[in-house]
Amino acid sequence: MNRRAVIVTQLRPLNAKKAQEFLRRLTESITTIVRPGIVLDCSSLDRLDADILDLLLCCLEEALKCNGDVRLAALHPDVGALLDSIGAGSLFQIFTTVNEATESFRRPAFGGVQTAEIPVREVLPSADAA
């Protein structure tokens, strides 16, 4: 069975400079991971601005380059509604909790291939730490 690493990190409101740093660190962390799973804990986001939307899309792009995926967790209803209204909601799987999002990577992939137990890593500090 394939082992699949899952990176869990909290996403907080960021300005453009901090968003670039977040993306740089995320990209560095996933370059050595085969099919990385990324869970973004969005519980601290109560609004969606252009910087955060850009960051979400860039995180997804970087994950897809490595045959990975990004899942959003604990999304505020207003943020979810805005994502849907601009057509970006369908790009992400959205879960109520971080645990549900993490567990979603354990489910059988298309073709019935089951992944092995997933090591969960918190590799990025929250935005407040920088």
N, C-alpha and C. Protein backbone atom coordinates (compact mmCIF):
# COMPACT_ATOMS: atom_id res chain seq x y z
N MET A 1 0.83 -1.20 0.00
CA MET A 1 0.00 0.00 0.00
C MET A 1 0.87 1.25 0.00
N ASN A 2 0.34 2.30 -0.55
CA ASN A 2 1.06 3.58 -0.57
C ASN A 2 0.89 4.29 0.76
N ARG A 3 1.96 4.92 1.21
CA ARG A 3 1.85 5.77 2.39
C ARG A 3 1.63 7.18 1.90
N ARG A 4 0.76 7.88 2.57
CA ARG A 4 0.44 9.24 2.15
C ARG A 4 0.53 10.16 3.35
N ALA A 5 1.38 11.14 3.26
CA ALA A 5 1.53 12.09 4.35
C ALA A 5 0.44 13.15 4.25
N VAL A 6 -0.02 13.58 5.41
CA VAL A 6 -1.00 14.65 5.48
C VAL A 6 -0.41 15.78 6.30
N ILE A 7 -0.44 16.95 5.74
CA ILE A 7 0.04 18.15 6.42
C ILE A 7 -1.19 18.91 6.90
N VAL A 8 -1.23 19.21 8.17
CA VAL A 8 -2.33 19.96 8.75
C VAL A 8 -1.79 21.28 9.26
N THR A 9 -2.41 22.36 8.84
CA THR A 9 -1.97 23.67 9.32
C THR A 9 -3.16 24.61 9.40
N GLN A 10 -3.07 25.53 10.32
CA GLN A 10 -4.14 26.51 10.48
C GLN A 10 -3.88 27.71 9.58
N LEU A 11 -4.92 28.12 8.90
CA LEU A 11 -4.85 29.28 8.03
C LEU A 11 -5.52 30.44 8.74
N ARG A 12 -4.79 31.52 8.89
CA ARG A 12 -5.31 32.72 9.54
C ARG A 12 -5.31 33.87 8.55
N PRO A 13 -6.02 34.94 8.86
CA PRO A 13 -5.96 36.10 7.96
C PRO A 13 -4.50 36.55 7.77
N LEU A 14 -4.12 36.76 6.52
CA LEU A 14 -2.75 37.11 6.18
C LEU A 14 -2.75 38.26 5.19
N ASN A 15 -1.70 39.07 5.27
CA ASN A 15 -1.51 40.06 4.20
C ASN A 15 -0.75 39.36 3.07
N ALA A 16 -0.55 40.05 1.98
CA ALA A 16 0.08 39.44 0.80
C ALA A 16 1.49 38.92 1.10
N LYS A 17 2.27 39.66 1.88
CA LYS A 17 3.64 39.25 2.19
C LYS A 17 3.65 37.97 3.02
N LYS A 18 2.81 37.90 4.05
CA LYS A 18 2.75 36.70 4.89
C LYS A 18 2.17 35.52 4.11
N ALA A 19 1.25 35.79 3.20
CA ALA A 19 0.68 34.73 2.37
C ALA A 19 1.77 34.12 1.48
N GLN A 20 2.64 34.96 0.93
CA GLN A 20 3.74 34.46 0.10
C GLN A 20 4.68 33.59 0.93
N GLU A 21 4.97 34.01 2.15
CA GLU A 21 5.83 33.22 3.03
C GLU A 21 5.18 31.89 3.38
N PHE A 22 3.89 31.91 3.68
CA PHE A 22 3.15 30.68 3.98
C PHE A 22 3.24 29.72 2.80
N LEU A 23 3.00 30.23 1.60
CA LEU A 23 3.04 29.39 0.40
C LEU A 23 4.44 28.84 0.15
N ARG A 24 5.45 29.67 0.34
CA ARG A 24 6.84 29.22 0.16
C ARG A 24 7.15 28.06 1.09
N ARG A 25 6.77 28.20 2.36
CA ARG A 25 7.05 27.16 3.34
C ARG A 25 6.25 25.89 3.05
N LEU A 26 5.01 26.06 2.63
CA LEU A 26 4.20 24.89 2.28
C LEU A 26 4.81 24.17 1.09
N THR A 27 5.20 24.92 0.07
CA THR A 27 5.79 24.33 -1.13
C THR A 27 7.07 23.57 -0.77
N GLU A 28 7.91 24.14 0.06
CA GLU A 28 9.13 23.45 0.50
C GLU A 28 8.80 22.16 1.23
N SER A 29 7.73 22.15 2.03
CA SER A 29 7.40 20.97 2.80
C SER A 29 6.87 19.83 1.96
N ILE A 30 6.21 20.13 0.85
CA ILE A 30 5.57 19.06 0.09
C ILE A 30 6.43 18.54 -1.06
N THR A 31 7.54 19.18 -1.35
CA THR A 31 8.32 18.75 -2.51
C THR A 31 8.88 17.34 -2.36
N THR A 32 9.07 16.87 -1.15
CA THR A 32 9.61 15.52 -0.94
C THR A 32 8.52 14.50 -0.62
N ILE A 33 7.28 14.90 -0.68
CA ILE A 33 6.17 14.02 -0.32
C ILE A 33 5.47 13.55 -1.60
N VAL A 34 5.24 12.25 -1.67
CA VAL A 34 4.49 11.69 -2.80
C VAL A 34 3.01 11.84 -2.49
N ARG A 35 2.27 12.47 -3.39
CA ARG A 35 0.83 12.68 -3.25
C ARG A 35 0.48 13.31 -1.89
N PRO A 36 0.98 14.49 -1.62
CA PRO A 36 0.71 15.09 -0.30
C PRO A 36 -0.77 15.43 -0.11
N GLY A 37 -1.21 15.22 1.10
CA GLY A 37 -2.54 15.67 1.50
C GLY A 37 -2.37 16.89 2.37
N ILE A 38 -3.08 17.94 2.06
CA ILE A 38 -2.97 19.18 2.83
C ILE A 38 -4.34 19.51 3.38
N VAL A 39 -4.40 19.68 4.70
CA VAL A 39 -5.63 20.10 5.36
C VAL A 39 -5.39 21.50 5.89
N LEU A 40 -6.20 22.44 5.41
CA LEU A 40 -6.11 23.81 5.89
C LEU A 40 -7.26 24.04 6.87
N ASP A 41 -6.90 24.26 8.12
CA ASP A 41 -7.88 24.57 9.17
C ASP A 41 -8.24 26.04 9.01
N CYS A 42 -9.46 26.28 8.58
CA CYS A 42 -9.92 27.64 8.28
C CYS A 42 -10.78 28.23 9.40
N SER A 43 -10.73 27.66 10.58
CA SER A 43 -11.59 28.10 11.67
C SER A 43 -11.33 29.55 12.09
N SER A 44 -10.17 30.07 11.80
CA SER A 44 -9.85 31.46 12.17
C SER A 44 -10.20 32.47 11.09
N LEU A 45 -10.72 32.00 9.97
CA LEU A 45 -11.09 32.90 8.88
C LEU A 45 -12.59 33.19 8.94
N ASP A 46 -12.94 34.44 9.16
CA ASP A 46 -14.36 34.78 9.15
C ASP A 46 -14.74 35.57 7.91
N ARG A 47 -13.76 35.81 7.06
CA ARG A 47 -14.02 36.49 5.79
C ARG A 47 -13.00 36.01 4.77
N LEU A 48 -13.32 36.24 3.52
CA LEU A 48 -12.44 35.82 2.43
C LEU A 48 -12.08 37.05 1.62
N ASP A 49 -10.79 37.40 1.64
CA ASP A 49 -10.35 38.53 0.83
C ASP A 49 -9.51 37.99 -0.34
N ALA A 50 -9.06 38.88 -1.19
CA ALA A 50 -8.32 38.48 -2.38
C ALA A 50 -7.03 37.74 -2.04
N ASP A 51 -6.33 38.18 -0.98
CA ASP A 51 -5.07 37.53 -0.60
C ASP A 51 -5.31 36.08 -0.16
N ILE A 52 -6.35 35.85 0.62
CA ILE A 52 -6.65 34.50 1.10
C ILE A 52 -7.13 33.63 -0.06
N LEU A 53 -7.98 34.17 -0.91
CA LEU A 53 -8.45 33.40 -2.06
C LEU A 53 -7.28 33.01 -2.95
N ASP A 54 -6.40 33.95 -3.22
CA ASP A 54 -5.21 33.65 -4.02
C ASP A 54 -4.37 32.57 -3.36
N LEU A 55 -4.20 32.67 -2.04
CA LEU A 55 -3.42 31.68 -1.31
C LEU A 55 -4.05 30.30 -1.41
N LEU A 56 -5.37 30.20 -1.25
CA LEU A 56 -6.05 28.91 -1.36
C LEU A 56 -5.80 28.29 -2.73
N LEU A 57 -5.95 29.09 -3.77
CA LEU A 57 -5.76 28.58 -5.12
C LEU A 57 -4.31 28.19 -5.38
N CYS A 58 -3.37 28.96 -4.85
CA CYS A 58 -1.94 28.64 -5.01
C CYS A 58 -1.58 27.36 -4.25
N CYS A 59 -2.14 27.18 -3.06
CA CYS A 59 -1.90 25.94 -2.30
C CYS A 59 -2.40 24.74 -3.09
N LEU A 60 -3.58 24.87 -3.66
CA LEU A 60 -4.14 23.79 -4.47
C LEU A 60 -3.25 23.51 -5.68
N GLU A 61 -2.81 24.56 -6.34
CA GLU A 61 -1.94 24.39 -7.51
C GLU A 61 -0.66 23.64 -7.14
N GLU A 62 -0.03 24.04 -6.04
CA GLU A 62 1.22 23.38 -5.63
C GLU A 62 0.98 21.92 -5.25
N ALA A 63 -0.13 21.64 -4.58
CA ALA A 63 -0.44 20.26 -4.22
C ALA A 63 -0.68 19.41 -5.47
N LEU A 64 -1.41 19.97 -6.43
CA LEU A 64 -1.69 19.23 -7.66
C LEU A 64 -0.43 18.94 -8.45
N LYS A 65 0.56 19.82 -8.39
CA LYS A 65 1.84 19.59 -9.07
C LYS A 65 2.52 18.32 -8.54
N CYS A 66 2.22 17.97 -7.29
CA CYS A 66 2.81 16.78 -6.66
C CYS A 66 1.80 15.64 -6.60
N ASN A 67 0.72 15.73 -7.41
CA ASN A 67 -0.36 14.75 -7.40
C ASN A 67 -1.04 14.66 -6.05
N GLY A 68 -1.10 15.77 -5.34
CA GLY A 68 -1.74 15.82 -4.04
C GLY A 68 -3.07 16.54 -4.10
N ASP A 69 -3.57 16.90 -2.92
CA ASP A 69 -4.85 17.58 -2.85
C ASP A 69 -4.89 18.44 -1.59
N VAL A 70 -5.79 19.43 -1.62
CA VAL A 70 -6.02 20.31 -0.47
C VAL A 70 -7.47 20.14 -0.04
N ARG A 71 -7.67 19.98 1.26
CA ARG A 71 -9.00 19.90 1.84
C ARG A 71 -9.14 21.06 2.82
N LEU A 72 -10.29 21.68 2.85
CA LEU A 72 -10.57 22.78 3.77
C LEU A 72 -11.40 22.26 4.93
N ALA A 73 -11.08 22.72 6.13
CA ALA A 73 -11.80 22.28 7.31
C ALA A 73 -12.26 23.48 8.13
N ALA A 74 -13.39 23.30 8.81
CA ALA A 74 -13.94 24.30 9.74
C ALA A 74 -14.13 25.65 9.07
N LEU A 75 -14.67 25.63 7.88
CA LEU A 75 -14.88 26.85 7.11
C LEU A 75 -16.11 27.59 7.62
N HIS A 76 -15.95 28.87 7.89
CA HIS A 76 -17.08 29.71 8.32
C HIS A 76 -18.13 29.69 7.21
N PRO A 77 -19.41 29.61 7.55
CA PRO A 77 -20.46 29.54 6.52
C PRO A 77 -20.40 30.68 5.51
N ASP A 78 -20.08 31.89 5.95
CA ASP A 78 -20.00 33.02 5.02
C ASP A 78 -18.85 32.85 4.03
N VAL A 79 -17.75 32.29 4.49
CA VAL A 79 -16.60 32.06 3.61
C VAL A 79 -16.95 30.98 2.60
N GLY A 80 -17.60 29.92 3.07
CA GLY A 80 -18.03 28.85 2.17
C GLY A 80 -19.00 29.35 1.12
N ALA A 81 -19.94 30.20 1.54
CA ALA A 81 -20.92 30.75 0.61
C ALA A 81 -20.24 31.63 -0.44
N LEU A 82 -19.26 32.41 -0.01
CA LEU A 82 -18.54 33.26 -0.96
C LEU A 82 -17.73 32.42 -1.95
N LEU A 83 -17.07 31.37 -1.45
CA LEU A 83 -16.34 30.48 -2.36
C LEU A 83 -17.28 29.90 -3.41
N ASP A 84 -18.47 29.47 -2.96
CA ASP A 84 -19.44 28.92 -3.90
C ASP A 84 -19.92 29.96 -4.90
N SER A 85 -20.15 31.16 -4.42
CA SER A 85 -20.69 32.21 -5.30
C SER A 85 -19.72 32.62 -6.41
N ILE A 86 -18.43 32.46 -6.18
CA ILE A 86 -17.45 32.81 -7.22
C ILE A 86 -16.99 31.58 -8.01
N GLY A 87 -17.59 30.43 -7.70
CA GLY A 87 -17.27 29.22 -8.44
C GLY A 87 -16.06 28.47 -7.96
N ALA A 88 -15.47 28.88 -6.85
CA ALA A 88 -14.26 28.22 -6.34
C ALA A 88 -14.58 27.11 -5.35
N GLY A 89 -15.79 27.08 -4.85
CA GLY A 89 -16.17 26.07 -3.87
C GLY A 89 -16.04 24.65 -4.40
N SER A 90 -16.27 24.46 -5.68
CA SER A 90 -16.20 23.12 -6.26
C SER A 90 -14.76 22.62 -6.44
N LEU A 91 -13.79 23.49 -6.25
CA LEU A 91 -12.39 23.09 -6.38
C LEU A 91 -11.87 22.37 -5.15
N PHE A 92 -12.55 22.54 -4.03
CA PHE A 92 -12.09 22.00 -2.76
C PHE A 92 -13.12 21.07 -2.15
N GLN A 93 -12.64 20.05 -1.47
CA GLN A 93 -13.51 19.28 -0.59
C GLN A 93 -13.51 20.02 0.74
N ILE A 94 -14.69 20.24 1.29
CA ILE A 94 -14.82 21.03 2.52
C ILE A 94 -15.42 20.14 3.60
N PHE A 95 -14.81 20.18 4.78
CA PHE A 95 -15.23 19.34 5.90
C PHE A 95 -15.52 20.19 7.12
N THR A 96 -16.37 19.69 7.97
CA THR A 96 -16.77 20.40 9.18
C THR A 96 -15.63 20.51 10.17
N THR A 97 -14.83 19.45 10.30
CA THR A 97 -13.73 19.45 11.27
C THR A 97 -12.42 19.06 10.60
N VAL A 98 -11.33 19.40 11.28
CA VAL A 98 -10.00 19.02 10.81
C VAL A 98 -9.87 17.51 10.79
N ASN A 99 -10.41 16.85 11.80
CA ASN A 99 -10.33 15.39 11.87
C ASN A 99 -11.03 14.74 10.68
N GLU A 100 -12.21 15.24 10.33
CA GLU A 100 -12.93 14.69 9.17
C GLU A 100 -12.12 14.89 7.89
N ALA A 101 -11.52 16.06 7.74
CA ALA A 101 -10.71 16.32 6.55
C ALA A 101 -9.50 15.40 6.50
N THR A 102 -8.85 15.21 7.63
CA THR A 102 -7.69 14.33 7.70
C THR A 102 -8.10 12.89 7.39
N GLU A 103 -9.18 12.45 7.99
CA GLU A 103 -9.67 11.08 7.77
C GLU A 103 -10.06 10.85 6.32
N SER A 104 -10.47 11.90 5.62
CA SER A 104 -10.89 11.74 4.23
C SER A 104 -9.75 11.25 3.34
N PHE A 105 -8.52 11.50 3.76
CA PHE A 105 -7.38 11.01 2.99
C PHE A 105 -7.16 9.51 3.20
N ARG A 106 -7.80 8.92 4.20
CA ARG A 106 -7.67 7.48 4.45
C ARG A 106 -8.63 6.66 3.63
N ARG A 107 -9.65 7.28 3.10
CA ARG A 107 -10.65 6.55 2.32
C ARG A 107 -10.02 5.99 1.06
N PRO A 108 -10.58 4.89 0.56
CA PRO A 108 -10.03 4.33 -0.69
C PRO A 108 -10.08 5.34 -1.82
N ALA A 109 -9.00 5.40 -2.56
CA ALA A 109 -8.95 6.28 -3.73
C ALA A 109 -9.72 5.63 -4.86
N PHE A 110 -9.88 6.34 -5.96
CA PHE A 110 -10.53 5.76 -7.13
C PHE A 110 -9.81 4.48 -7.51
N GLY A 111 -10.55 3.48 -7.90
CA GLY A 111 -9.95 2.21 -8.25
C GLY A 111 -9.80 1.29 -7.05
N GLY A 112 -10.27 1.72 -5.88
CA GLY A 112 -10.27 0.86 -4.71
C GLY A 112 -8.93 0.73 -4.02
N VAL A 113 -7.97 1.56 -4.34
CA VAL A 113 -6.66 1.49 -3.69
C VAL A 113 -6.77 2.16 -2.33
N GLN A 114 -6.47 1.43 -1.28
CA GLN A 114 -6.54 1.94 0.08
C GLN A 114 -5.16 2.48 0.47
N THR A 115 -5.14 3.63 1.10
CA THR A 115 -3.85 4.14 1.58
C THR A 115 -3.58 3.57 2.96
N ALA A 116 -2.32 3.47 3.30
CA ALA A 116 -1.93 2.98 4.62
C ALA A 116 -2.15 4.06 5.65
N GLU A 117 -1.83 3.76 6.89
CA GLU A 117 -2.00 4.77 7.94
C GLU A 117 -1.22 6.01 7.59
N ILE A 118 -1.82 7.14 7.86
CA ILE A 118 -1.27 8.41 7.41
C ILE A 118 -0.54 9.10 8.56
N PRO A 119 0.74 9.40 8.38
CA PRO A 119 1.40 10.21 9.39
C PRO A 119 0.95 11.67 9.23
N VAL A 120 0.42 12.24 10.27
CA VAL A 120 -0.05 13.62 10.22
C VAL A 120 1.06 14.51 10.75
N ARG A 121 1.38 15.56 9.99
CA ARG A 121 2.46 16.45 10.39
C ARG A 121 1.96 17.89 10.42
N GLU A 122 2.27 18.57 11.48
CA GLU A 122 2.03 20.02 11.54
C GLU A 122 3.38 20.63 11.19
N VAL A 123 3.51 21.10 9.96
CA VAL A 123 4.81 21.56 9.50
C VAL A 123 4.92 23.06 9.42
N LEU A 124 3.79 23.73 9.47
CA LEU A 124 3.83 25.17 9.32
C LEU A 124 3.26 25.83 10.58
N PRO A 125 3.97 26.78 11.13
CA PRO A 125 3.40 27.49 12.27
C PRO A 125 2.24 28.35 11.82
N SER A 126 1.40 28.70 12.74
CA SER A 126 0.29 29.59 12.39
C SER A 126 0.85 30.95 11.98
N ALA A 127 0.02 31.73 11.36
CA ALA A 127 0.46 33.04 10.86
C ALA A 127 0.94 33.93 11.99
N ASP A 128 0.41 33.73 13.18
CA ASP A 128 0.79 34.57 14.32
C ASP A 128 2.23 34.34 14.76
N ALA A 129 2.77 33.16 14.43
CA ALA A 129 4.10 32.82 14.91
C ALA A 129 5.20 33.54 14.13
N ALA A 130 4.89 34.01 12.95
CA ALA A 130 5.93 34.61 12.12
C ALA A 130 6.13 36.06 12.38
